[in-house]
Amino acid sequence: AGPIDGALVAVEAEHPLGRLPGRAFTLQGTGGG
């Protein structure tokens, strides 16, 4: 139906070669999905 607003979006980021430590954080909604 289009952009999804009001969701809780969390990200776990990892470096594919393991050279940098991974990080986890929550993204903030700015509107328009």
PDB file of all heavy atoms in Angstrom:
ATOM      1  N   ALA A   1       0.812  -1.215   0.000  1.00  0.00           N
ATOM      2  CA  ALA A   1       0.000   0.000   0.000  1.00  0.00           C
ATOM      3  C   ALA A   1       0.847   1.268   0.000  1.00  0.00           C
ATOM      4  O   ALA A   1       0.305   2.361   0.073  1.00  0.00           O
ATOM      5  CB  ALA A   1      -0.924   0.004   1.215  1.00  0.00           C
ATOM      6  N   GLY A   2       2.168   1.142  -0.044  1.00  0.00           N
ATOM      7  CA  GLY A   2       3.032   2.318  -0.057  1.00  0.00           C
ATOM      8  C   GLY A   2       3.963   2.356   1.133  1.00  0.00           C
ATOM      9  O   GLY A   2       4.206   1.335   1.782  1.00  0.00           O
ATOM     10  N   PRO A   3       4.494   3.550   1.458  1.00  0.00           N
ATOM     11  CA  PRO A   3       5.454   3.672   2.565  1.00  0.00           C
ATOM     12  C   PRO A   3       4.838   3.243   3.900  1.00  0.00           C
ATOM     13  O   PRO A   3       3.657   3.451   4.145  1.00  0.00           O
ATOM     14  CB  PRO A   3       5.796   5.163   2.583  1.00  0.00           C
ATOM     15  CG  PRO A   3       5.425   5.671   1.239  1.00  0.00           C
ATOM     16  CD  PRO A   3       4.290   4.819   0.767  1.00  0.00           C
ATOM     17  N   ILE A   4       5.666   2.664   4.748  1.00  0.00           N
ATOM     18  CA  ILE A   4       5.222   2.209   6.070  1.00  0.00           C
ATOM     19  C   ILE A   4       5.823   3.140   7.111  1.00  0.00           C
ATOM     20  O   ILE A   4       7.044   3.193   7.283  1.00  0.00           O
ATOM     21  CB  ILE A   4       5.660   0.754   6.325  1.00  0.00           C
ATOM     22  CG1 ILE A   4       5.036  -0.172   5.291  1.00  0.00           C
ATOM     23  CG2 ILE A   4       5.310   0.329   7.743  1.00  0.00           C
ATOM     24  CD1 ILE A   4       5.568  -1.582   5.330  1.00  0.00           C
ATOM     25  N   ASP A   5       4.957   3.880   7.806  1.00  0.00           N
ATOM     26  CA  ASP A   5       5.394   4.779   8.872  1.00  0.00           C
ATOM     27  C   ASP A   5       5.040   4.174  10.225  1.00  0.00           C
ATOM     28  O   ASP A   5       4.154   3.328  10.340  1.00  0.00           O
ATOM     29  CB  ASP A   5       4.718   6.153   8.738  1.00  0.00           C
ATOM     30  CG  ASP A   5       5.305   6.966   7.603  1.00  0.00           C
ATOM     31  OD1 ASP A   5       6.536   6.928   7.433  1.00  0.00           O
ATOM     32  OD2 ASP A   5       4.527   7.640   6.899  1.00  0.00           O
ATOM     33  N   GLY A   6       5.735   4.636  11.274  1.00  0.00           N
ATOM     34  CA  GLY A   6       5.430   4.210  12.632  1.00  0.00           C
ATOM     35  C   GLY A   6       5.978   2.847  13.010  1.00  0.00           C
ATOM     36  O   GLY A   6       5.566   2.273  14.012  1.00  0.00           O
ATOM     37  N   ALA A   7       6.887   2.324  12.240  1.00  0.00           N
ATOM     38  CA  ALA A   7       7.472   1.015  12.545  1.00  0.00           C
ATOM     39  C   ALA A   7       8.693   1.195  13.437  1.00  0.00           C
ATOM     40  O   ALA A   7       9.290   2.271  13.491  1.00  0.00           O
ATOM     41  CB  ALA A   7       7.859   0.288  11.260  1.00  0.00           C
ATOM     42  N   LEU A   8       9.050   0.148  14.131  1.00  0.00           N
ATOM     43  CA  LEU A   8      10.300   0.109  14.882  1.00  0.00           C
ATOM     44  C   LEU A   8      11.319  -0.582  13.980  1.00  0.00           C
ATOM     45  O   LEU A   8      11.129  -1.737  13.591  1.00  0.00           O
ATOM     46  CB  LEU A   8      10.118  -0.665  16.187  1.00  0.00           C
ATOM     47  CG  LEU A   8      11.379  -0.883  17.012  1.00  0.00           C
ATOM     48  CD1 LEU A   8      11.942   0.444  17.487  1.00  0.00           C
ATOM     49  CD2 LEU A   8      11.093  -1.785  18.178  1.00  0.00           C
ATOM     50  N   VAL A   9      12.379   0.124  13.617  1.00  0.00           N
ATOM     51  CA  VAL A   9      13.380  -0.413  12.700  1.00  0.00           C
ATOM     52  C   VAL A   9      14.721  -0.490  13.428  1.00  0.00           C
ATOM     53  O   VAL A   9      15.248   0.525  13.872  1.00  0.00           O
ATOM     54  CB  VAL A   9      13.508   0.446  11.421  1.00  0.00           C
ATOM     55  CG1 VAL A   9      14.570  -0.113  10.503  1.00  0.00           C
ATOM     56  CG2 VAL A   9      12.169   0.529  10.706  1.00  0.00           C
ATOM     57  N   ALA A  10      15.231  -1.702  13.570  1.00  0.00           N
ATOM     58  CA  ALA A  10      16.519  -1.928  14.228  1.00  0.00           C
ATOM     59  C   ALA A  10      17.481  -2.529  13.216  1.00  0.00           C
ATOM     60  O   ALA A  10      17.084  -3.306  12.343  1.00  0.00           O
ATOM     61  CB  ALA A  10      16.356  -2.861  15.413  1.00  0.00           C
ATOM     62  N   VAL A  11      18.758  -2.168  13.350  1.00  0.00           N
ATOM     63  CA  VAL A  11      19.781  -2.629  12.411  1.00  0.00           C
ATOM     64  C   VAL A  11      20.944  -3.222  13.187  1.00  0.00           C
ATOM     65  O   VAL A  11      21.388  -2.653  14.182  1.00  0.00           O
ATOM     66  CB  VAL A  11      20.281  -1.459  11.525  1.00  0.00           C
ATOM     67  CG1 VAL A  11      21.470  -1.874  10.679  1.00  0.00           C
ATOM     68  CG2 VAL A  11      19.167  -0.941  10.648  1.00  0.00           C
ATOM     69  N   GLU A  12      21.406  -4.367  12.719  1.00  0.00           N
ATOM     70  CA  GLU A  12      22.676  -4.930  13.174  1.00  0.00           C
ATOM     71  C   GLU A  12      23.604  -4.877  11.975  1.00  0.00           C
ATOM     72  O   GLU A  12      23.300  -5.438  10.929  1.00  0.00           O
ATOM     73  CB  GLU A  12      22.518  -6.381  13.625  1.00  0.00           C
ATOM     74  CG  GLU A  12      21.803  -6.551  14.933  1.00  0.00           C
ATOM     75  CD  GLU A  12      21.713  -8.005  15.341  1.00  0.00           C
ATOM     76  OE1 GLU A  12      22.539  -8.831  14.867  1.00  0.00           O
ATOM     77  OE2 GLU A  12      20.809  -8.318  16.121  1.00  0.00           O
ATOM     78  N   ALA A  13      24.718  -4.187  12.122  1.00  0.00           N
ATOM     79  CA  ALA A  13      25.668  -4.029  11.019  1.00  0.00           C
ATOM     80  C   ALA A  13      26.952  -4.764  11.353  1.00  0.00           C
ATOM     81  O   ALA A  13      27.454  -4.683  12.471  1.00  0.00           O
ATOM     82  CB  ALA A  13      25.964  -2.548  10.787  1.00  0.00           C
ATOM     83  N   GLU A  14      27.444  -5.499  10.378  1.00  0.00           N
ATOM     84  CA  GLU A  14      28.729  -6.170  10.563  1.00  0.00           C
ATOM     85  C   GLU A  14      29.568  -5.983   9.320  1.00  0.00           C
ATOM     86  O   GLU A  14      29.049  -5.912   8.205  1.00  0.00           O
ATOM     87  CB  GLU A  14      28.553  -7.647  10.889  1.00  0.00           C
ATOM     88  CG  GLU A  14      27.950  -8.473   9.797  1.00  0.00           C
ATOM     89  CD  GLU A  14      27.779  -9.934  10.184  1.00  0.00           C
ATOM     90  OE1 GLU A  14      27.685 -10.235  11.378  1.00  0.00           O
ATOM     91  OE2 GLU A  14      27.740 -10.761   9.263  1.00  0.00           O
ATOM     92  N   HIS A  15      30.844  -5.866   9.549  1.00  0.00           N
ATOM     93  CA  HIS A  15      31.782  -5.745   8.449  1.00  0.00           C
ATOM     94  C   HIS A  15      31.928  -7.139   7.847  1.00  0.00           C
ATOM     95  O   HIS A  15      32.194  -8.096   8.568  1.00  0.00           O
ATOM     96  CB  HIS A  15      33.126  -5.219   8.980  1.00  0.00           C
ATOM     97  CG  HIS A  15      33.974  -4.630   7.923  1.00  0.00           C
ATOM     98  ND1 HIS A  15      35.001  -5.317   7.353  1.00  0.00           N
ATOM     99  CD2 HIS A  15      33.938  -3.417   7.316  1.00  0.00           C
ATOM    100  CE1 HIS A  15      35.575  -4.545   6.449  1.00  0.00           C
ATOM    101  NE2 HIS A  15      34.955  -3.405   6.404  1.00  0.00           N
ATOM    102  N   PRO A  16      31.729  -7.312   6.521  1.00  0.00           N
ATOM    103  CA  PRO A  16      31.722  -8.657   5.951  1.00  0.00           C
ATOM    104  C   PRO A  16      33.022  -9.427   6.125  1.00  0.00           C
ATOM    105  O   PRO A  16      33.016 -10.642   6.136  1.00  0.00           O
ATOM    106  CB  PRO A  16      31.406  -8.445   4.475  1.00  0.00           C
ATOM    107  CG  PRO A  16      31.466  -6.997   4.231  1.00  0.00           C
ATOM    108  CD  PRO A  16      31.472  -6.291   5.533  1.00  0.00           C
ATOM    109  N   LEU A  17      34.125  -8.744   6.296  1.00  0.00           N
ATOM    110  CA  LEU A  17      35.388  -9.454   6.490  1.00  0.00           C
ATOM    111  C   LEU A  17      35.828  -9.449   7.946  1.00  0.00           C
ATOM    112  O   LEU A  17      36.918  -9.900   8.269  1.00  0.00           O
ATOM    113  CB  LEU A  17      36.482  -8.828   5.614  1.00  0.00           C
ATOM    114  CG  LEU A  17      36.202  -8.889   4.124  1.00  0.00           C
ATOM    115  CD1 LEU A  17      37.310  -8.213   3.342  1.00  0.00           C
ATOM    116  CD2 LEU A  17      36.042 -10.317   3.664  1.00  0.00           C
ATOM    117  N   GLY A  18      34.984  -8.940   8.833  1.00  0.00           N
ATOM    118  CA  GLY A  18      35.283  -8.973  10.249  1.00  0.00           C
ATOM    119  C   GLY A  18      36.397  -8.055  10.696  1.00  0.00           C
ATOM    120  O   GLY A  18      36.922  -8.205  11.787  1.00  0.00           O
ATOM    121  N   ARG A  19      36.751  -7.094   9.876  1.00  0.00           N
ATOM    122  CA  ARG A  19      37.875  -6.210  10.228  1.00  0.00           C
ATOM    123  C   ARG A  19      37.475  -5.121  11.221  1.00  0.00           C
ATOM    124  O   ARG A  19      38.299  -4.630  11.958  1.00  0.00           O
ATOM    125  CB  ARG A  19      38.458  -5.583   8.973  1.00  0.00           C
ATOM    126  CG  ARG A  19      39.121  -6.627   8.115  1.00  0.00           C
ATOM    127  CD  ARG A  19      39.905  -6.035   6.987  1.00  0.00           C
ATOM    128  NE  ARG A  19      40.551  -7.111   6.252  1.00  0.00           N
ATOM    129  CZ  ARG A  19      40.746  -7.099   4.967  1.00  0.00           C
ATOM    130  NH1 ARG A  19      40.386  -6.058   4.257  1.00  0.00           N
ATOM    131  NH2 ARG A  19      41.334  -8.117   4.368  1.00  0.00           N
ATOM    132  N   LEU A  20      36.201  -4.733  11.201  1.00  0.00           N
ATOM    133  CA  LEU A  20      35.703  -3.732  12.140  1.00  0.00           C
ATOM    134  C   LEU A  20      34.639  -4.381  13.023  1.00  0.00           C
ATOM    135  O   LEU A  20      33.930  -5.285  12.582  1.00  0.00           O
ATOM    136  CB  LEU A  20      35.102  -2.537  11.384  1.00  0.00           C
ATOM    137  CG  LEU A  20      36.064  -1.744  10.514  1.00  0.00           C
ATOM    138  CD1 LEU A  20      35.314  -0.698   9.708  1.00  0.00           C
ATOM    139  CD2 LEU A  20      37.126  -1.076  11.364  1.00  0.00           C
ATOM    140  N   PRO A  21      34.502  -3.917  14.261  1.00  0.00           N
ATOM    141  CA  PRO A  21      33.497  -4.526  15.138  1.00  0.00           C
ATOM    142  C   PRO A  21      32.082  -4.228  14.650  1.00  0.00           C
ATOM    143  O   PRO A  21      31.815  -3.172  14.063  1.00  0.00           O
ATOM    144  CB  PRO A  21      33.769  -3.872  16.495  1.00  0.00           C
ATOM    145  CG  PRO A  21      34.521  -2.624  16.194  1.00  0.00           C
ATOM    146  CD  PRO A  21      35.268  -2.869  14.924  1.00  0.00           C
ATOM    147  N   GLY A  22      31.175  -5.160  14.907  1.00  0.00           N
ATOM    148  CA  GLY A  22      29.778  -4.980  14.537  1.00  0.00           C
ATOM    149  C   GLY A  22      29.109  -3.940  15.419  1.00  0.00           C
ATOM    150  O   GLY A  22      29.594  -3.612  16.503  1.00  0.00           O
ATOM    151  N   ARG A  23      27.990  -3.434  14.950  1.00  0.00           N
ATOM    152  CA  ARG A  23      27.238  -2.414  15.691  1.00  0.00           C
ATOM    153  C   ARG A  23      25.753  -2.693  15.570  1.00  0.00           C
ATOM    154  O   ARG A  23      25.301  -3.222  14.565  1.00  0.00           O
ATOM    155  CB  ARG A  23      27.531  -1.031  15.127  1.00  0.00           C
ATOM    156  CG  ARG A  23      28.997  -0.677  15.259  1.00  0.00           C
ATOM    157  CD  ARG A  23      29.302   0.624  14.642  1.00  0.00           C
ATOM    158  NE  ARG A  23      30.753   0.813  14.754  1.00  0.00           N
ATOM    159  CZ  ARG A  23      31.355   1.923  14.493  1.00  0.00           C
ATOM    160  NH1 ARG A  23      30.674   2.952  14.097  1.00  0.00           N
ATOM    161  NH2 ARG A  23      32.655   2.019  14.617  1.00  0.00           N
ATOM    162  N   ALA A  24      25.017  -2.325  16.584  1.00  0.00           N
ATOM    163  CA  ALA A  24      23.557  -2.458  16.573  1.00  0.00           C
ATOM    164  C   ALA A  24      22.965  -1.122  17.001  1.00  0.00           C
ATOM    165  O   ALA A  24      23.464  -0.484  17.925  1.00  0.00           O
ATOM    166  CB  ALA A  24      23.123  -3.566  17.512  1.00  0.00           C
ATOM    167  N   PHE A  25      21.903  -0.701  16.312  1.00  0.00           N
ATOM    168  CA  PHE A  25      21.272   0.570  16.643  1.00  0.00           C
ATOM    169  C   PHE A  25      19.854   0.586  16.100  1.00  0.00           C
ATOM    170  O   PHE A  25      19.475  -0.234  15.271  1.00  0.00           O
ATOM    171  CB  PHE A  25      22.072   1.763  16.118  1.00  0.00           C
ATOM    172  CG  PHE A  25      22.538   1.611  14.698  1.00  0.00           C
ATOM    173  CD1 PHE A  25      21.756   2.033  13.647  1.00  0.00           C
ATOM    174  CD2 PHE A  25      23.763   1.032  14.423  1.00  0.00           C
ATOM    175  CE1 PHE A  25      22.180   1.876  12.341  1.00  0.00           C
ATOM    176  CE2 PHE A  25      24.206   0.871  13.125  1.00  0.00           C
ATOM    177  CZ  PHE A  25      23.411   1.297  12.071  1.00  0.00           C
ATOM    178  N   THR A  26      19.072   1.537  16.604  1.00  0.00           N
ATOM    179  CA  THR A  26      17.691   1.718  16.175  1.00  0.00           C
ATOM    180  C   THR A  26      17.619   2.966  15.305  1.00  0.00           C
ATOM    181  O   THR A  26      18.216   3.991  15.638  1.00  0.00           O
ATOM    182  CB  THR A  26      16.769   1.872  17.397  1.00  0.00           C
ATOM    183  OG1 THR A  26      16.906   0.722  18.223  1.00  0.00           O
ATOM    184  CG2 THR A  26      15.325   2.015  16.975  1.00  0.00           C
ATOM    185  N   LEU A  27      16.872   2.870  14.218  1.00  0.00           N
ATOM    186  CA  LEU A  27      16.715   4.011  13.324  1.00  0.00           C
ATOM    187  C   LEU A  27      15.478   4.801  13.734  1.00  0.00           C
ATOM    188  O   LEU A  27      14.509   4.232  14.242  1.00  0.00           O
ATOM    189  CB  LEU A  27      16.580   3.549  11.878  1.00  0.00           C
ATOM    190  CG  LEU A  27      17.890   3.150  11.189  1.00  0.00           C
ATOM    191  CD1 LEU A  27      18.366   1.802  11.646  1.00  0.00           C
ATOM    192  CD2 LEU A  27      17.722   3.158   9.702  1.00  0.00           C
ATOM    193  N   GLN A  28      15.527   6.102  13.504  1.00  0.00           N
ATOM    194  CA  GLN A  28      14.419   6.992  13.845  1.00  0.00           C
ATOM    195  C   GLN A  28      13.603   7.284  12.593  1.00  0.00           C
ATOM    196  O   GLN A  28      14.158   7.580  11.542  1.00  0.00           O
ATOM    197  CB  GLN A  28      14.951   8.305  14.428  1.00  0.00           C
ATOM    198  CG  GLN A  28      15.833   8.129  15.650  1.00  0.00           C
ATOM    199  CD  GLN A  28      15.095   7.465  16.793  1.00  0.00           C
ATOM    200  OE1 GLN A  28      13.952   7.796  17.088  1.00  0.00           O
ATOM    201  NE2 GLN A  28      15.746   6.496  17.420  1.00  0.00           N
ATOM    202  N   GLY A  29      12.276   7.219  12.719  1.00  0.00           N
ATOM    203  CA  GLY A  29      11.392   7.526  11.600  1.00  0.00           C
ATOM    204  C   GLY A  29      11.401   9.009  11.287  1.00  0.00           C
ATOM    205  O   GLY A  29      11.351   9.848  12.183  1.00  0.00           O
ATOM    206  N   THR A  30      11.498   9.326   9.994  1.00  0.00           N
ATOM    207  CA  THR A  30      11.487  10.728   9.569  1.00  0.00           C
ATOM    208  C   THR A  30      10.300  11.027   8.649  1.00  0.00           C
ATOM    209  O   THR A  30      10.197  12.123   8.119  1.00  0.00           O
ATOM    210  CB  THR A  30      12.802  11.088   8.842  1.00  0.00           C
ATOM    211  OG1 THR A  30      12.937  10.266   7.686  1.00  0.00           O
ATOM    212  CG2 THR A  30      13.994  10.904   9.757  1.00  0.00           C
ATOM    213  N   GLY A  31       9.407  10.043   8.454  1.00  0.00           N
ATOM    214  CA  GLY A  31       8.219  10.241   7.630  1.00  0.00           C
ATOM    215  C   GLY A  31       8.392   9.674   6.233  1.00  0.00           C
ATOM    216  O   GLY A  31       9.501   9.544   5.727  1.00  0.00           O
ATOM    217  N   GLY A  32       7.290   9.339   5.630  1.00  0.00           N
ATOM    218  CA  GLY A  32       7.311   8.818   4.266  1.00  0.00           C
ATOM    219  C   GLY A  32       7.979   7.463   4.139  1.00  0.00           C
ATOM    220  O   GLY A  32       8.525   7.133   3.097  1.00  0.00           O
ATOM    221  N   GLY A  33       7.950   6.661   5.230  1.00  0.00           N
ATOM    222  CA  GLY A  33       8.572   5.336   5.195  1.00  0.00           C
ATOM    223  C   GLY A  33      10.082   5.374   5.288  1.00  0.00           C
ATOM    224  O   GLY A  33      10.755   4.384   5.049  1.00  0.00           O
TER     225      GLY A  33
END
